[in-house]
Amino acid sequence: MDLSECVLLRQGAEAKLYEGTFLGQRVLVKHRFPKRYRVEQLDTQLTKDRLRGEVRGLNRAKLLGVRTPTVYLADMDSAQIVLEYLDGAVTARDYIKRLVEAGDREEALAALSKQIGTTFAKLHKANIIHGDLTTSNLMVDKQETDSPELVVIDFGLGYAEGTAEDKGVDLYVLERAFLSTHPNTERLVALIVSAYKAEFGEKKGKKTCDEILRKYEEIRMRGRKRTMVG
């Protein structure tokens, strides 16, 4: 797409996000721009690999029943992904902040936490690692209804991996991002973990889930020790 006809919404370390029009539809365009500090050939290959990985993660998650933005176009040559525009959706970060500030919205906060836990258990059972689990990379659609829907975005750091260690790291990143952004919400993290365990199930998935959560606790302890040492 011609980015000169699009509106820049924000820029991160790896990519720029634009709003544009594709086949008559309002869309988001994610452009991974070149990194001048890298050797050009290496940068091109890394960019293509990460684009493929992101598209693969979005599509695999959707097949699992996890809601993700629809991919309309992936152009490796221009390093662009054209995505569904989630009109009316807000980041989980803003949604949680609004609920906390409103007060007495514990039921809605609990429902969202359970959705987050269930969603990432589905991804982990399929060996999909998100890589950047924050409440800014989760969207809440239909937030004004009785049944808000969680949407997972930005698989730019995602990959396929079956180890309990990687899944434990994914959960730890979510916990740290959650508590640093939303103080005094430890109860919600506990609900996320509880829903995560429930999705794995008590029979076939219990052993796998126990191993992941054991690694998660080990990683938490390592994180605490680093914090204490400074």
C-alpha atoms as a PDB file:
ATOM      1  CA  MET A   1       0.000   0.000   0.000  1.00  0.00           C
ATOM      2  CA  ASP A   2       0.997   3.591  -0.564  1.00  0.00           C
ATOM      3  CA  LEU A   3       1.763   4.799   2.955  1.00  0.00           C
ATOM      4  CA  SER A   4       1.653   8.425   1.820  1.00  0.00           C
ATOM      5  CA  GLU A   5      -2.123   7.993   1.577  1.00  0.00           C
ATOM      6  CA  CYS A   6      -2.336   6.596   5.122  1.00  0.00           C
ATOM      7  CA  VAL A   7      -2.407   8.319   8.502  1.00  0.00           C
ATOM      8  CA  LEU A   8       0.369   7.474  10.964  1.00  0.00           C
ATOM      9  CA  LEU A   9      -1.145   6.432  14.286  1.00  0.00           C
ATOM     10  CA  ARG A  10       1.965   5.512  16.256  1.00  0.00           C
ATOM     11  CA  GLN A  11       5.527   4.305  15.978  1.00  0.00           C
ATOM     12  CA  GLY A  12       7.280   1.646  17.994  1.00  0.00           C
ATOM     13  CA  ALA A  13      10.841   0.373  18.014  1.00  0.00           C
ATOM     14  CA  GLU A  14      10.151  -2.169  15.269  1.00  0.00           C
ATOM     15  CA  ALA A  15       7.249  -0.839  13.234  1.00  0.00           C
ATOM     16  CA  LYS A  16       4.913   2.012  12.376  1.00  0.00           C
ATOM     17  CA  LEU A  17       1.134   1.629  12.514  1.00  0.00           C
ATOM     18  CA  TYR A  18      -1.043   3.455   9.992  1.00  0.00           C
ATOM     19  CA  GLU A  19      -4.738   3.832   9.306  1.00  0.00           C
ATOM     20  CA  GLY A  20      -5.730   3.504   5.663  1.00  0.00           C
ATOM     21  CA  THR A  21      -8.227   2.130   3.174  1.00  0.00           C
ATOM     22  CA  PHE A  22      -7.958  -1.218   1.411  1.00  0.00           C
ATOM     23  CA  LEU A  23     -10.574  -2.450  -1.080  1.00  0.00           C
ATOM     24  CA  GLY A  24     -12.982   0.127   0.274  1.00  0.00           C
ATOM     25  CA  GLN A  25     -12.482  -0.938   3.898  1.00  0.00           C
ATOM     26  CA  ARG A  26     -10.932   0.942   6.794  1.00  0.00           C
ATOM     27  CA  VAL A  27      -7.790  -0.959   7.775  1.00  0.00           C
ATOM     28  CA  LEU A  28      -4.622  -0.844   9.839  1.00  0.00           C
ATOM     29  CA  VAL A  29      -1.282  -1.094   8.083  1.00  0.00           C
ATOM     30  CA  LYS A  30       1.720  -2.296  10.045  1.00  0.00           C
ATOM     31  CA  HIS A  31       5.009  -1.401   8.399  1.00  0.00           C
ATOM     32  CA  ARG A  32       8.298  -2.833   9.633  1.00  0.00           C
ATOM     33  CA  PHE A  33      10.747  -0.136   8.646  1.00  0.00           C
ATOM     34  CA  PRO A  34      14.432  -0.831   7.826  1.00  0.00           C
ATOM     35  CA  LYS A  35      16.979  -0.771  10.665  1.00  0.00           C
ATOM     36  CA  ARG A  36      19.940   1.200   9.342  1.00  0.00           C
ATOM     37  CA  TYR A  37      22.275  -0.160  12.028  1.00  0.00           C
ATOM     38  CA  ARG A  38      21.977  -3.668  10.564  1.00  0.00           C
ATOM     39  CA  VAL A  39      23.640  -5.085   7.495  1.00  0.00           C
ATOM     40  CA  GLU A  40      21.021  -4.559   4.775  1.00  0.00           C
ATOM     41  CA  GLN A  41      20.808  -8.193   3.679  1.00  0.00           C
ATOM     42  CA  LEU A  42      20.484  -9.397   7.276  1.00  0.00           C
ATOM     43  CA  ASP A  43      17.858  -6.767   8.074  1.00  0.00           C
ATOM     44  CA  THR A  44      15.788  -7.742   5.034  1.00  0.00           C
ATOM     45  CA  GLN A  45      15.844 -11.414   5.978  1.00  0.00           C
ATOM     46  CA  LEU A  46      15.019 -10.759   9.639  1.00  0.00           C
ATOM     47  CA  THR A  47      12.144  -8.492   8.666  1.00  0.00           C
ATOM     48  CA  LYS A  48      10.656 -11.103   6.335  1.00  0.00           C
ATOM     49  CA  ASP A  49      11.045 -13.837   8.944  1.00  0.00           C
ATOM     50  CA  ARG A  50       9.288 -11.758  11.585  1.00  0.00           C
ATOM     51  CA  LEU A  51       6.501 -10.778   9.211  1.00  0.00           C
ATOM     52  CA  ARG A  52       5.900 -14.413   8.343  1.00  0.00           C
ATOM     53  CA  GLY A  53       5.977 -15.331  12.014  1.00  0.00           C
ATOM     54  CA  GLU A  54       3.489 -12.623  12.923  1.00  0.00           C
ATOM     55  CA  VAL A  55       1.038 -13.587  10.177  1.00  0.00           C
ATOM     56  CA  ARG A  56       1.407 -17.257  11.080  1.00  0.00           C
ATOM     57  CA  GLY A  57       0.731 -16.485  14.749  1.00  0.00           C
ATOM     58  CA  LEU A  58      -2.371 -14.410  13.984  1.00  0.00           C
ATOM     59  CA  ASN A  59      -3.817 -17.050  11.676  1.00  0.00           C
ATOM     60  CA  ARG A  60      -2.989 -20.029  13.899  1.00  0.00           C
ATOM     61  CA  ALA A  61      -4.559 -18.302  16.884  1.00  0.00           C
ATOM     62  CA  LYS A  62      -7.724 -17.598  14.892  1.00  0.00           C
ATOM     63  CA  LEU A  63      -7.989 -21.279  13.947  1.00  0.00           C
ATOM     64  CA  LEU A  64      -7.922 -22.101  17.670  1.00  0.00           C
ATOM     65  CA  GLY A  65     -10.939 -19.897  18.262  1.00  0.00           C
ATOM     66  CA  VAL A  66      -8.881 -17.011  19.656  1.00  0.00           C
ATOM     67  CA  ARG A  67     -10.042 -13.739  18.196  1.00  0.00           C
ATOM     68  CA  THR A  68      -7.334 -11.840  16.308  1.00  0.00           C
ATOM     69  CA  PRO A  69      -7.489  -9.135  13.629  1.00  0.00           C
ATOM     70  CA  THR A  70      -8.077 -10.611  10.180  1.00  0.00           C
ATOM     71  CA  VAL A  71      -5.036 -10.404   7.890  1.00  0.00           C
ATOM     72  CA  TYR A  72      -6.097  -8.986   4.516  1.00  0.00           C
ATOM     73  CA  LEU A  73      -2.657  -8.747   2.934  1.00  0.00           C
ATOM     74  CA  ALA A  74       0.949  -9.555   3.813  1.00  0.00           C
ATOM     75  CA  ASP A  75       3.488  -7.962   1.458  1.00  0.00           C
ATOM     76  CA  MET A  76       6.991  -9.209   2.174  1.00  0.00           C
ATOM     77  CA  ASP A  77       8.653  -6.874  -0.323  1.00  0.00           C
ATOM     78  CA  SER A  78       7.250  -3.716   1.274  1.00  0.00           C
ATOM     79  CA  ALA A  79       7.315  -5.231   4.807  1.00  0.00           C
ATOM     80  CA  GLN A  80       3.626  -4.444   5.339  1.00  0.00           C
ATOM     81  CA  ILE A  81       0.707  -6.291   6.906  1.00  0.00           C
ATOM     82  CA  VAL A  82      -2.798  -5.004   6.198  1.00  0.00           C
ATOM     83  CA  LEU A  83      -5.106  -5.815   9.100  1.00  0.00           C
ATOM     84  CA  GLU A  84      -8.734  -5.556  10.110  1.00  0.00           C
ATOM     85  CA  TYR A  85      -9.560  -2.250  11.804  1.00  0.00           C
ATOM     86  CA  LEU A  86     -11.236  -2.945  15.149  1.00  0.00           C
ATOM     87  CA  ASP A  87     -13.669  -0.059  15.143  1.00  0.00           C
ATOM     88  CA  GLY A  88     -14.792   0.794  18.659  1.00  0.00           C
ATOM     89  CA  ALA A  89     -12.325  -1.503  20.415  1.00  0.00           C
ATOM     90  CA  VAL A  90     -10.017  -0.224  23.154  1.00  0.00           C
ATOM     91  CA  THR A  91      -6.837  -1.641  24.634  1.00  0.00           C
ATOM     92  CA  ALA A  92      -7.282  -3.856  27.668  1.00  0.00           C
ATOM     93  CA  ARG A  93      -4.994  -1.371  29.411  1.00  0.00           C
ATOM     94  CA  ASP A  94      -7.493   1.471  28.925  1.00  0.00           C
ATOM     95  CA  TYR A  95     -10.470  -0.790  29.622  1.00  0.00           C
ATOM     96  CA  ILE A  96      -9.056  -1.976  32.957  1.00  0.00           C
ATOM     97  CA  LYS A  97      -8.043   1.551  33.932  1.00  0.00           C
ATOM     98  CA  ARG A  98     -11.562   2.788  33.229  1.00  0.00           C
ATOM     99  CA  LEU A  99     -13.170  -0.013  35.251  1.00  0.00           C
ATOM    100  CA  VAL A 100     -10.848   0.531  38.206  1.00  0.00           C
ATOM    101  CA  GLU A 101     -11.488   4.282  38.206  1.00  0.00           C
ATOM    102  CA  ALA A 102     -15.247   3.716  37.982  1.00  0.00           C
ATOM    103  CA  GLY A 103     -15.182   1.522  41.101  1.00  0.00           C
ATOM    104  CA  ASP A 104     -17.443  -1.402  41.965  1.00  0.00           C
ATOM    105  CA  ARG A 105     -16.720  -3.120  38.639  1.00  0.00           C
ATOM    106  CA  GLU A 106     -15.191  -6.253  40.095  1.00  0.00           C
ATOM    107  CA  GLU A 107     -17.442  -8.568  38.098  1.00  0.00           C
ATOM    108  CA  ALA A 108     -16.341  -7.065  34.773  1.00  0.00           C
ATOM    109  CA  LEU A 109     -12.671  -7.129  35.810  1.00  0.00           C
ATOM    110  CA  ALA A 110     -12.978 -10.773  36.857  1.00  0.00           C
ATOM    111  CA  ALA A 111     -14.668 -11.712  33.573  1.00  0.00           C
ATOM    112  CA  LEU A 112     -11.859 -10.105  31.555  1.00  0.00           C
ATOM    113  CA  SER A 113      -9.183 -11.792  33.671  1.00  0.00           C
ATOM    114  CA  LYS A 114     -10.779 -15.181  33.074  1.00  0.00           C
ATOM    115  CA  GLN A 115     -10.902 -14.502  29.325  1.00  0.00           C
ATOM    116  CA  ILE A 116      -7.200 -13.655  29.348  1.00  0.00           C
ATOM    117  CA  GLY A 117      -6.286 -16.849  31.222  1.00  0.00           C
ATOM    118  CA  THR A 118      -8.430 -19.066  29.000  1.00  0.00           C
ATOM    119  CA  THR A 119      -7.142 -17.430  25.811  1.00  0.00           C
ATOM    120  CA  PHE A 120      -3.475 -17.903  26.594  1.00  0.00           C
ATOM    121  CA  ALA A 121      -3.976 -21.459  27.744  1.00  0.00           C
ATOM    122  CA  LYS A 122      -5.434 -22.156  24.282  1.00  0.00           C
ATOM    123  CA  LEU A 123      -2.385 -20.590  22.646  1.00  0.00           C
ATOM    124  CA  HIS A 124       0.077 -22.436  24.872  1.00  0.00           C
ATOM    125  CA  LYS A 125      -1.646 -25.782  24.348  1.00  0.00           C
ATOM    126  CA  ALA A 126      -0.967 -25.228  20.646  1.00  0.00           C
ATOM    127  CA  ASN A 127       2.665 -24.228  21.409  1.00  0.00           C
ATOM    128  CA  ILE A 128       2.137 -20.604  20.381  1.00  0.00           C
ATOM    129  CA  ILE A 129       4.223 -18.127  22.350  1.00  0.00           C
ATOM    130  CA  HIS A 130       3.078 -14.516  22.080  1.00  0.00           C
ATOM    131  CA  GLY A 131       6.362 -13.005  23.238  1.00  0.00           C
ATOM    132  CA  ASP A 132       5.022  -9.610  24.329  1.00  0.00           C
ATOM    133  CA  LEU A 133       2.071 -10.164  26.625  1.00  0.00           C
ATOM    134  CA  THR A 134       0.947  -6.772  27.888  1.00  0.00           C
ATOM    135  CA  THR A 135      -2.470  -5.214  28.329  1.00  0.00           C
ATOM    136  CA  SER A 136      -1.557  -2.896  25.438  1.00  0.00           C
ATOM    137  CA  ASN A 137      -1.364  -5.929  23.130  1.00  0.00           C
ATOM    138  CA  LEU A 138      -4.847  -7.056  24.082  1.00  0.00           C
ATOM    139  CA  MET A 139      -7.942  -5.290  22.801  1.00  0.00           C
ATOM    140  CA  VAL A 140     -11.468  -5.349  24.179  1.00  0.00           C
ATOM    141  CA  ASP A 141     -14.231  -5.189  21.606  1.00  0.00           C
ATOM    142  CA  LYS A 142     -17.915  -4.677  22.340  1.00  0.00           C
ATOM    143  CA  GLN A 143     -16.858  -3.272  25.717  1.00  0.00           C
ATOM    144  CA  GLU A 144     -20.153  -1.474  26.166  1.00  0.00           C
ATOM    145  CA  THR A 145     -22.118  -4.730  25.988  1.00  0.00           C
ATOM    146  CA  ASP A 146     -22.721  -7.474  28.549  1.00  0.00           C
ATOM    147  CA  SER A 147     -20.239  -9.736  26.741  1.00  0.00           C
ATOM    148  CA  PRO A 148     -17.022  -7.866  25.873  1.00  0.00           C
ATOM    149  CA  GLU A 149     -14.673  -9.818  23.594  1.00  0.00           C
ATOM    150  CA  LEU A 150     -10.921 -10.141  24.030  1.00  0.00           C
ATOM    151  CA  VAL A 151      -8.830  -9.675  20.878  1.00  0.00           C
ATOM    152  CA  VAL A 152      -5.136 -10.600  20.815  1.00  0.00           C
ATOM    153  CA  ILE A 153      -2.933  -8.382  18.663  1.00  0.00           C
ATOM    154  CA  ASP A 154       0.748  -7.945  17.761  1.00  0.00           C
ATOM    155  CA  PHE A 155       2.419 -11.324  17.378  1.00  0.00           C
ATOM    156  CA  GLY A 156       5.533  -9.530  16.154  1.00  0.00           C
ATOM    157  CA  LEU A 157       7.700 -11.251  18.776  1.00  0.00           C
ATOM    158  CA  GLY A 158       5.748 -14.506  18.674  1.00  0.00           C
ATOM    159  CA  TYR A 159       7.065 -17.941  17.807  1.00  0.00           C
ATOM    160  CA  ALA A 160       6.232 -21.635  18.071  1.00  0.00           C
ATOM    161  CA  GLU A 161       7.742 -23.405  21.065  1.00  0.00           C
ATOM    162  CA  GLY A 162       6.621 -26.314  23.201  1.00  0.00           C
ATOM    163  CA  THR A 163       8.815 -25.921  26.277  1.00  0.00           C
ATOM    164  CA  ALA A 164       7.345 -25.183  29.685  1.00  0.00           C
ATOM    165  CA  GLU A 165      10.097 -22.590  30.225  1.00  0.00           C
ATOM    166  CA  ASP A 166       8.978 -20.435  27.289  1.00  0.00           C
ATOM    167  CA  LYS A 167       5.349 -20.638  28.327  1.00  0.00           C
ATOM    168  CA  GLY A 168       6.299 -19.758  31.891  1.00  0.00           C
ATOM    169  CA  VAL A 169       8.199 -16.720  30.612  1.00  0.00           C
ATOM    170  CA  ASP A 170       5.128 -15.678  28.609  1.00  0.00           C
ATOM    171  CA  LEU A 171       3.016 -15.779  31.781  1.00  0.00           C
ATOM    172  CA  TYR A 172       5.653 -13.952  33.806  1.00  0.00           C
ATOM    173  CA  VAL A 173       5.887 -11.159  31.229  1.00  0.00           C
ATOM    174  CA  LEU A 174       2.101 -10.799  31.424  1.00  0.00           C
ATOM    175  CA  GLU A 175       2.181 -10.684  35.225  1.00  0.00           C
ATOM    176  CA  ARG A 176       4.926  -8.053  35.373  1.00  0.00           C
ATOM    177  CA  ALA A 177       3.300  -5.917  32.690  1.00  0.00           C
ATOM    178  CA  PHE A 178      -0.075  -6.277  34.391  1.00  0.00           C
ATOM    179  CA  LEU A 179       1.089  -5.286  37.884  1.00  0.00           C
ATOM    180  CA  SER A 180       3.340  -2.457  36.723  1.00  0.00           C
ATOM    181  CA  THR A 181       0.543  -0.933  34.651  1.00  0.00           C
ATOM    182  CA  HIS A 182      -2.334  -1.731  37.022  1.00  0.00           C
ATOM    183  CA  PRO A 183      -1.122  -1.584  40.654  1.00  0.00           C
ATOM    184  CA  ASN A 184      -2.946  -3.544  43.371  1.00  0.00           C
ATOM    185  CA  THR A 185      -4.460  -6.017  40.918  1.00  0.00           C
ATOM    186  CA  GLU A 186      -2.780  -9.183  42.217  1.00  0.00           C
ATOM    187  CA  ARG A 187      -6.242 -10.721  42.602  1.00  0.00           C
ATOM    188  CA  LEU A 188      -6.780 -10.388  38.848  1.00  0.00           C
ATOM    189  CA  VAL A 189      -3.473 -12.111  38.069  1.00  0.00           C
ATOM    190  CA  ALA A 190      -4.592 -14.948  40.362  1.00  0.00           C
ATOM    191  CA  LEU A 191      -7.839 -15.209  38.375  1.00  0.00           C
ATOM    192  CA  ILE A 192      -5.862 -15.300  35.107  1.00  0.00           C
ATOM    193  CA  VAL A 193      -3.761 -18.203  36.396  1.00  0.00           C
ATOM    194  CA  SER A 194      -6.845 -20.017  37.711  1.00  0.00           C
ATOM    195  CA  ALA A 195      -8.617 -19.736  34.347  1.00  0.00           C
ATOM    196  CA  TYR A 196      -5.396 -20.821  32.598  1.00  0.00           C
ATOM    197  CA  LYS A 197      -5.325 -24.001  34.703  1.00  0.00           C
ATOM    198  CA  ALA A 198      -9.013 -24.666  34.096  1.00  0.00           C
ATOM    199  CA  GLU A 199      -8.587 -24.469  30.316  1.00  0.00           C
ATOM    200  CA  PHE A 200      -5.832 -27.098  30.397  1.00  0.00           C
ATOM    201  CA  GLY A 201      -8.199 -29.406  32.238  1.00  0.00           C
ATOM    202  CA  GLU A 202      -7.860 -31.808  35.135  1.00  0.00           C
ATOM    203  CA  LYS A 203      -6.972 -34.925  33.181  1.00  0.00           C
ATOM    204  CA  LYS A 204      -4.786 -34.944  30.098  1.00  0.00           C
ATOM    205  CA  GLY A 205      -3.613 -31.365  30.441  1.00  0.00           C
ATOM    206  CA  LYS A 206      -2.980 -31.259  34.196  1.00  0.00           C
ATOM    207  CA  LYS A 207       0.577 -32.598  34.110  1.00  0.00           C
ATOM    208  CA  THR A 208       1.575 -30.202  31.319  1.00  0.00           C
ATOM    209  CA  CYS A 209      -0.040 -27.246  33.063  1.00  0.00           C
ATOM    210  CA  ASP A 210       1.613 -28.095  36.391  1.00  0.00           C
ATOM    211  CA  GLU A 211       5.009 -28.116  34.687  1.00  0.00           C
ATOM    212  CA  ILE A 212       4.373 -24.727  33.045  1.00  0.00           C
ATOM    213  CA  LEU A 213       3.220 -23.178  36.326  1.00  0.00           C
ATOM    214  CA  ARG A 214       6.212 -24.643  38.141  1.00  0.00           C
ATOM    215  CA  LYS A 215       8.510 -22.938  35.636  1.00  0.00           C
ATOM    216  CA  TYR A 216       6.465 -19.759  35.993  1.00  0.00           C
ATOM    217  CA  GLU A 217       7.050 -19.799  39.776  1.00  0.00           C
ATOM    218  CA  GLU A 218      10.777 -20.422  39.276  1.00  0.00           C
ATOM    219  CA  ILE A 219      10.981 -17.470  36.883  1.00  0.00           C
ATOM    220  CA  ARG A 220       9.087 -15.288  39.375  1.00  0.00           C
ATOM    221  CA  MET A 221      11.589 -16.206  42.093  1.00  0.00           C
ATOM    222  CA  ARG A 222      14.524 -15.384  39.813  1.00  0.00           C
ATOM    223  CA  GLY A 223      12.886 -12.059  39.029  1.00  0.00           C
ATOM    224  CA  ARG A 224      12.458 -11.249  42.716  1.00  0.00           C
ATOM    225  CA  LYS A 225      16.088 -12.094  43.459  1.00  0.00           C
ATOM    226  CA  ARG A 226      17.275  -9.791  40.671  1.00  0.00           C
ATOM    227  CA  THR A 227      15.090  -7.018  42.074  1.00  0.00           C
ATOM    228  CA  MET A 228      16.468  -7.523  45.603  1.00  0.00           C
ATOM    229  CA  VAL A 229      20.070  -7.551  44.398  1.00  0.00           C
ATOM    230  CA  GLY A 230      19.384  -4.472  42.279  1.00  0.00           C
END
